PDB file of N, CA and C in Angstrom:
ATOM      1  N   MET A   1      18.315  11.043 -22.713  1.00  0.00           N
ATOM      2  CA  MET A   1      18.736  11.488 -21.417  1.00  0.00           C
ATOM      3  C   MET A   1      18.115  10.589 -20.350  1.00  0.00           C
ATOM      4  N   ALA A   2      18.920  10.198 -19.363  1.00  0.00           N
ATOM      5  CA  ALA A   2      18.440   9.330 -18.287  1.00  0.00           C
ATOM      6  C   ALA A   2      17.508  10.101 -17.360  1.00  0.00           C
ATOM      7  N   LYS A   3      16.530   9.400 -16.811  1.00  0.00           N
ATOM      8  CA  LYS A   3      15.603  10.017 -15.854  1.00  0.00           C
ATOM      9  C   LYS A   3      15.908   9.511 -14.457  1.00  0.00           C
ATOM     10  N   THR A   4      15.646  10.351 -13.504  1.00  0.00           N
ATOM     11  CA  THR A   4      15.809   9.989 -12.104  1.00  0.00           C
ATOM     12  C   THR A   4      14.438   9.620 -11.543  1.00  0.00           C
ATOM     13  N   ILE A   5      14.375   8.513 -10.820  1.00  0.00           N
ATOM     14  CA  ILE A   5      13.127   8.071 -10.199  1.00  0.00           C
ATOM     15  C   ILE A   5      13.332   8.000  -8.692  1.00  0.00           C
ATOM     16  N   GLY A   6      12.323   8.423  -7.955  1.00  0.00           N
ATOM     17  CA  GLY A   6      12.357   8.333  -6.493  1.00  0.00           C
ATOM     18  C   GLY A   6      11.197   7.484  -6.023  1.00  0.00           C
ATOM     19  N   ILE A   7      11.473   6.570  -5.116  1.00  0.00           N
ATOM     20  CA  ILE A   7      10.440   5.679  -4.587  1.00  0.00           C
ATOM     21  C   ILE A   7      10.450   5.791  -3.069  1.00  0.00           C
ATOM     22  N   ASP A   8       9.314   6.128  -2.486  1.00  0.00           N
ATOM     23  CA  ASP A   8       9.175   6.207  -1.036  1.00  0.00           C
ATOM     24  C   ASP A   8       8.277   5.050  -0.611  1.00  0.00           C
ATOM     25  N   LEU A   9       8.880   4.016  -0.025  1.00  0.00           N
ATOM     26  CA  LEU A   9       8.117   2.869   0.473  1.00  0.00           C
ATOM     27  C   LEU A   9       7.834   3.098   1.953  1.00  0.00           C
ATOM     28  N   GLY A  10       6.765   3.788   2.233  1.00  0.00           N
ATOM     29  CA  GLY A  10       6.408   4.110   3.610  1.00  0.00           C
ATOM     30  C   GLY A  10       5.663   2.972   4.285  1.00  0.00           C
ATOM     31  N   THR A  11       5.547   3.066   5.595  1.00  0.00           N
ATOM     32  CA  THR A  11       4.833   2.032   6.337  1.00  0.00           C
ATOM     33  C   THR A  11       3.322   2.157   6.181  1.00  0.00           C
ATOM     34  N   THR A  12       2.828   3.342   5.827  1.00  0.00           N
ATOM     35  CA  THR A  12       1.401   3.553   5.636  1.00  0.00           C
ATOM     36  C   THR A  12       1.052   3.713   4.164  1.00  0.00           C
ATOM     37  N   ASN A  13       1.798   4.564   3.468  1.00  0.00           N
ATOM     38  CA  ASN A  13       1.574   4.820   2.048  1.00  0.00           C
ATOM     39  C   ASN A  13       2.902   4.821   1.303  1.00  0.00           C
ATOM     40  N   SER A  14       2.841   4.590   0.007  1.00  0.00           N
ATOM     41  CA  SER A  14       4.022   4.637  -0.853  1.00  0.00           C
ATOM     42  C   SER A  14       3.739   5.586  -2.006  1.00  0.00           C
ATOM     43  N   VAL A  15       4.827   6.152  -2.576  1.00  0.00           N
ATOM     44  CA  VAL A  15       4.695   7.093  -3.683  1.00  0.00           C
ATOM     45  C   VAL A  15       5.910   6.956  -4.599  1.00  0.00           C
ATOM     46  N   VAL A  16       5.699   7.225  -5.895  1.00  0.00           N
ATOM     47  CA  VAL A  16       6.782   7.174  -6.886  1.00  0.00           C
ATOM     48  C   VAL A  16       6.773   8.499  -7.645  1.00  0.00           C
ATOM     49  N   ALA A  17       7.969   9.059  -7.866  1.00  0.00           N
ATOM     50  CA  ALA A  17       8.089  10.312  -8.614  1.00  0.00           C
ATOM     51  C   ALA A  17       9.291  10.235  -9.548  1.00  0.00           C
ATOM     52  N   ILE A  18       9.237  11.023 -10.621  1.00  0.00           N
ATOM     53  CA  ILE A  18      10.371  11.154 -11.528  1.00  0.00           C
ATOM     54  C   ILE A  18      10.736  12.634 -11.612  1.00  0.00           C
ATOM     55  N   MET A  19      11.961  12.914 -12.032  1.00  0.00           N
ATOM     56  CA  MET A  19      12.395  14.294 -12.236  1.00  0.00           C
ATOM     57  C   MET A  19      12.255  14.620 -13.713  1.00  0.00           C
ATOM     58  N   GLU A  20      11.541  15.701 -14.013  1.00  0.00           N
ATOM     59  CA  GLU A  20      11.392  16.177 -15.385  1.00  0.00           C
ATOM     60  C   GLU A  20      11.682  17.670 -15.406  1.00  0.00           C
ATOM     61  N   GLY A  21      12.736  18.064 -16.123  1.00  0.00           N
ATOM     62  CA  GLY A  21      13.083  19.476 -16.204  1.00  0.00           C
ATOM     63  C   GLY A  21      13.442  20.083 -14.865  1.00  0.00           C
ATOM     64  N   GLY A  22      13.993  19.285 -13.970  1.00  0.00           N
ATOM     65  CA  GLY A  22      14.374  19.782 -12.649  1.00  0.00           C
ATOM     66  C   GLY A  22      13.248  19.799 -11.631  1.00  0.00           C
ATOM     67  N   ASP A  23      12.047  19.378 -12.024  1.00  0.00           N
ATOM     68  CA  ASP A  23      10.910  19.358 -11.108  1.00  0.00           C
ATOM     69  C   ASP A  23      10.450  17.926 -10.864  1.00  0.00           C
ATOM     70  N   PRO A  24      10.104  17.587  -9.607  1.00  0.00           N
ATOM     71  CA  PRO A  24       9.580  16.242  -9.340  1.00  0.00           C
ATOM     72  C   PRO A  24       8.133  16.119  -9.815  1.00  0.00           C
ATOM     73  N   ILE A  25       7.834  15.014 -10.488  1.00  0.00           N
ATOM     74  CA  ILE A  25       6.481  14.714 -10.957  1.00  0.00           C
ATOM     75  C   ILE A  25       6.054  13.396 -10.311  1.00  0.00           C
ATOM     76  N   VAL A  26       5.011  13.458  -9.487  1.00  0.00           N
ATOM     77  CA  VAL A  26       4.505  12.247  -8.830  1.00  0.00           C
ATOM     78  C   VAL A  26       3.663  11.455  -9.817  1.00  0.00           C
ATOM     79  N   ILE A  27       3.909  10.163  -9.881  1.00  0.00           N
ATOM     80  CA  ILE A  27       3.177   9.281 -10.787  1.00  0.00           C
ATOM     81  C   ILE A  27       1.936   8.742 -10.084  1.00  0.00           C
ATOM     82  N   ALA A  28       0.790   8.929 -10.704  1.00  0.00           N
ATOM     83  CA  ALA A  28      -0.472   8.448 -10.124  1.00  0.00           C
ATOM     84  C   ALA A  28      -0.590   6.936 -10.305  1.00  0.00           C
ATOM     85  N   ASN A  29      -1.302   6.283  -9.373  1.00  0.00           N
ATOM     86  CA  ASN A  29      -1.527   4.839  -9.474  1.00  0.00           C
ATOM     87  C   ASN A  29      -2.732   4.556 -10.380  1.00  0.00           C
ATOM     88  N   GLN A  30      -3.159   3.296 -10.450  1.00  0.00           N
ATOM     89  CA  GLN A  30      -4.270   2.914 -11.335  1.00  0.00           C
ATOM     90  C   GLN A  30      -5.579   3.607 -10.985  1.00  0.00           C
ATOM     91  N   GLU A  31      -5.753   3.948  -9.700  1.00  0.00           N
ATOM     92  CA  GLU A  31      -6.982   4.624  -9.285  1.00  0.00           C
ATOM     93  C   GLU A  31      -6.895   6.138  -9.459  1.00  0.00           C
ATOM     94  N   GLY A  32      -5.722   6.649  -9.898  1.00  0.00           N
ATOM     95  CA  GLY A  32      -5.547   8.085 -10.085  1.00  0.00           C
ATOM     96  C   GLY A  32      -5.027   8.817  -8.861  1.00  0.00           C
ATOM     97  N   SER A  33      -4.755   8.100  -7.790  1.00  0.00           N
ATOM     98  CA  SER A  33      -4.261   8.703  -6.559  1.00  0.00           C
ATOM     99  C   SER A  33      -2.737   8.846  -6.615  1.00  0.00           C
ATOM    100  N   ARG A  34      -2.214   9.877  -5.951  1.00  0.00           N
ATOM    101  CA  ARG A  34      -0.770  10.098  -5.928  1.00  0.00           C
ATOM    102  C   ARG A  34      -0.062   9.252  -4.878  1.00  0.00           C
ATOM    103  N   THR A  35      -0.800   8.688  -3.951  1.00  0.00           N
ATOM    104  CA  THR A  35      -0.211   7.783  -2.965  1.00  0.00           C
ATOM    105  C   THR A  35      -0.956   6.450  -3.016  1.00  0.00           C
ATOM    106  N   THR A  36      -0.258   5.381  -2.636  1.00  0.00           N
ATOM    107  CA  THR A  36      -0.828   4.036  -2.636  1.00  0.00           C
ATOM    108  C   THR A  36      -0.646   3.432  -1.254  1.00  0.00           C
ATOM    109  N   PRO A  37      -1.702   2.906  -0.628  1.00  0.00           N
ATOM    110  CA  PRO A  37      -1.529   2.249   0.663  1.00  0.00           C
ATOM    111  C   PRO A  37      -0.491   1.134   0.570  1.00  0.00           C
ATOM    112  N   SER A  38       0.379   1.062   1.554  1.00  0.00           N
ATOM    113  CA  SER A  38       1.444   0.052   1.576  1.00  0.00           C
ATOM    114  C   SER A  38       0.905  -1.266   2.121  1.00  0.00           C
ATOM    115  N   VAL A  39       0.031  -1.909   1.342  1.00  0.00           N
ATOM    116  CA  VAL A  39      -0.624  -3.142   1.763  1.00  0.00           C
ATOM    117  C   VAL A  39      -0.544  -4.157   0.619  1.00  0.00           C
ATOM    118  N   VAL A  40      -0.184  -5.386   0.956  1.00  0.00           N
ATOM    119  CA  VAL A  40      -0.156  -6.484  -0.007  1.00  0.00           C
ATOM    120  C   VAL A  40      -0.943  -7.640   0.595  1.00  0.00           C
ATOM    121  N   ALA A  41      -1.791  -8.283  -0.207  1.00  0.00           N
ATOM    122  CA  ALA A  41      -2.551  -9.437   0.267  1.00  0.00           C
ATOM    123  C   ALA A  41      -2.466 -10.548  -0.772  1.00  0.00           C
ATOM    124  N   PHE A  42      -2.538 -11.776  -0.306  1.00  0.00           N
ATOM    125  CA  PHE A  42      -2.526 -12.952  -1.181  1.00  0.00           C
ATOM    126  C   PHE A  42      -3.815 -13.715  -0.942  1.00  0.00           C
ATOM    127  N   THR A  43      -4.534 -14.010  -2.029  1.00  0.00           N
ATOM    128  CA  THR A  43      -5.803 -14.724  -1.899  1.00  0.00           C
ATOM    129  C   THR A  43      -5.559 -16.230  -1.905  1.00  0.00           C
ATOM    130  N   ASP A  44      -6.591 -16.981  -1.572  1.00  0.00           N
ATOM    131  CA  ASP A  44      -6.512 -18.440  -1.602  1.00  0.00           C
ATOM    132  C   ASP A  44      -6.297 -18.960  -3.023  1.00  0.00           C
ATOM    133  N   LYS A  45      -6.656 -18.142  -4.025  1.00  0.00           N
ATOM    134  CA  LYS A  45      -6.494 -18.534  -5.429  1.00  0.00           C
ATOM    135  C   LYS A  45      -5.116 -18.158  -5.971  1.00  0.00           C
ATOM    136  N   GLY A  46      -4.245 -17.602  -5.124  1.00  0.00           N
ATOM    137  CA  GLY A  46      -2.904 -17.235  -5.553  1.00  0.00           C
ATOM    138  C   GLY A  46      -2.797 -15.847  -6.160  1.00  0.00           C
ATOM    139  N   GLU A  47      -3.867 -15.059  -6.092  1.00  0.00           N
ATOM    140  CA  GLU A  47      -3.829 -13.696  -6.612  1.00  0.00           C
ATOM    141  C   GLU A  47      -3.082 -12.786  -5.638  1.00  0.00           C
ATOM    142  N   ARG A  48      -2.458 -11.741  -6.184  1.00  0.00           N
ATOM    143  CA  ARG A  48      -1.814 -10.720  -5.360  1.00  0.00           C
ATOM    144  C   ARG A  48      -2.616  -9.438  -5.469  1.00  0.00           C
ATOM    145  N   TRP A  49      -3.015  -8.895  -4.344  1.00  0.00           N
ATOM    146  CA  TRP A  49      -3.724  -7.627  -4.318  1.00  0.00           C
ATOM    147  C   TRP A  49      -2.788  -6.601  -3.707  1.00  0.00           C
ATOM    148  N   LEU A  50      -2.692  -5.432  -4.343  1.00  0.00           N
ATOM    149  CA  LEU A  50      -1.799  -4.382  -3.879  1.00  0.00           C
ATOM    150  C   LEU A  50      -2.564  -3.083  -3.675  1.00  0.00           C
ATOM    151  N   GLY A  51      -2.160  -2.322  -2.673  1.00  0.00           N
ATOM    152  CA  GLY A  51      -2.681  -0.964  -2.500  1.00  0.00           C
ATOM    153  C   GLY A  51      -4.047  -0.860  -1.876  1.00  0.00           C
ATOM    154  N   LYS A  52      -4.934  -0.114  -2.559  1.00  0.00           N
ATOM    155  CA  LYS A  52      -6.233   0.229  -1.993  1.00  0.00           C
ATOM    156  C   LYS A  52      -7.149  -0.972  -1.786  1.00  0.00           C
ATOM    157  N   LEU A  53      -7.195  -1.892  -2.764  1.00  0.00           N
ATOM    158  CA  LEU A  53      -8.116  -3.037  -2.673  1.00  0.00           C
ATOM    159  C   LEU A  53      -7.915  -3.859  -1.397  1.00  0.00           C
ATOM    160  N   PRO A  54      -6.716  -4.340  -1.097  1.00  0.00           N
ATOM    161  CA  PRO A  54      -6.586  -5.100   0.146  1.00  0.00           C
ATOM    162  C   PRO A  54      -6.715  -4.228   1.381  1.00  0.00           C
ATOM    163  N   ASN A  55      -6.429  -2.942   1.236  1.00  0.00           N
ATOM    164  CA  ASN A  55      -6.536  -2.049   2.387  1.00  0.00           C
ATOM    165  C   ASN A  55      -7.982  -1.902   2.848  1.00  0.00           C
ATOM    166  N   VAL A  56      -8.925  -1.782   1.901  1.00  0.00           N
ATOM    167  CA  VAL A  56     -10.332  -1.628   2.273  1.00  0.00           C
ATOM    168  C   VAL A  56     -11.002  -2.964   2.585  1.00  0.00           C
ATOM    169  N   ARG A  57     -10.385  -4.075   2.139  1.00  0.00           N
ATOM    170  CA  ARG A  57     -10.968  -5.398   2.381  1.00  0.00           C
ATOM    171  C   ARG A  57     -10.293  -6.172   3.508  1.00  0.00           C
ATOM    172  N   GLN A  58      -9.352  -5.539   4.197  1.00  0.00           N
ATOM    173  CA  GLN A  58      -8.619  -6.290   5.208  1.00  0.00           C
ATOM    174  C   GLN A  58      -9.532  -6.690   6.370  1.00  0.00           C
ATOM    175  N   LEU A  59      -9.252  -7.851   6.905  1.00  0.00           N
ATOM    176  CA  LEU A  59     -10.025  -8.370   8.024  1.00  0.00           C
ATOM    177  C   LEU A  59      -9.278  -8.096   9.316  1.00  0.00           C
ATOM    178  N   PRO A  60      -9.997  -7.885  10.387  1.00  0.00           N
ATOM    179  CA  PRO A  60      -9.309  -7.682  11.659  1.00  0.00           C
ATOM    180  C   PRO A  60      -8.506  -8.929  12.030  1.00  0.00           C
ATOM    181  N   THR A  61      -7.282  -8.729  12.452  1.00  0.00           N
ATOM    182  CA  THR A  61      -6.439  -9.862  12.829  1.00  0.00           C
ATOM    183  C   THR A  61      -6.099  -9.854  14.310  1.00  0.00           C
ATOM    184  N   LEU A  62      -6.499  -8.815  15.004  1.00  0.00           N
ATOM    185  CA  LEU A  62      -6.208  -8.714  16.426  1.00  0.00           C
ATOM    186  C   LEU A  62      -7.176  -9.606  17.204  1.00  0.00           C
ATOM    187  N   LYS A  63      -6.629 -10.490  18.001  1.00  0.00           N
ATOM    188  CA  LYS A  63      -7.461 -11.364  18.829  1.00  0.00           C
ATOM    189  C   LYS A  63      -7.400 -10.861  20.267  1.00  0.00           C
ATOM    190  N   ILE A  64      -8.540 -10.580  20.827  1.00  0.00           N
ATOM    191  CA  ILE A  64      -8.618 -10.082  22.201  1.00  0.00           C
ATOM    192  C   ILE A  64      -8.971 -11.265  23.098  1.00  0.00           C
ATOM    193  N   PRO A  65      -8.132 -11.530  24.107  1.00  0.00           N
ATOM    194  CA  PRO A  65      -8.430 -12.653  25.000  1.00  0.00           C
ATOM    195  C   PRO A  65      -9.732 -12.432  25.769  1.00  0.00           C
ATOM    196  N   SER A  66     -10.412 -13.495  26.020  1.00  0.00           N
ATOM    197  CA  SER A  66     -11.651 -13.428  26.768  1.00  0.00           C
ATOM    198  C   SER A  66     -11.393 -12.990  28.203  1.00  0.00           C
ATOM    199  N   SER A  67     -12.285 -12.168  28.725  1.00  0.00           N
ATOM    200  CA  SER A  67     -12.119 -11.718  30.113  1.00  0.00           C
ATOM    201  C   SER A  67     -12.753 -12.696  31.097  1.00  0.00           C
ATOM    202  N   ARG A  68     -13.477 -13.712  30.565  1.00  0.00           N
ATOM    203  CA  ARG A  68     -14.102 -14.709  31.439  1.00  0.00           C
ATOM    204  C   ARG A  68     -13.074 -15.776  31.808  1.00  0.00           C
ATOM    205  N   SER A  69     -13.094 -16.148  33.030  1.00  0.00           N
ATOM    206  CA  SER A  69     -12.187 -17.225  33.458  1.00  0.00           C
ATOM    207  C   SER A  69     -12.834 -18.559  33.129  1.00  0.00           C
ATOM    208  N   SER A  70     -12.012 -19.580  32.988  1.00  0.00           N
ATOM    209  CA  SER A  70     -12.512 -20.905  32.635  1.00  0.00           C
ATOM    210  C   SER A  70     -12.686 -21.791  33.870  1.00  0.00           C
ATOM    211  N   ASP A  71     -12.879 -21.176  35.032  1.00  0.00           N
ATOM    212  CA  ASP A  71     -13.059 -21.947  36.282  1.00  0.00           C
ATOM    213  C   ASP A  71     -14.369 -22.649  36.335  1.00  0.00           C
TER     214      ASP A  71
END
């Protein structure tokens, strides 16, 4: 019998579920969590990091302009 899979690719978190016996079953990720942060990072070595790891290791990318004038 074919199974139905649902994938929610959210802007903050993502989740995957299947239907079993008419009930949705959420599939846990490698860390055991039912949701995964929607974050992907690429290292200088060509590695791909997905989910929690790049989310907790992300560096600030917002640059705030200096309030000092260059006069």
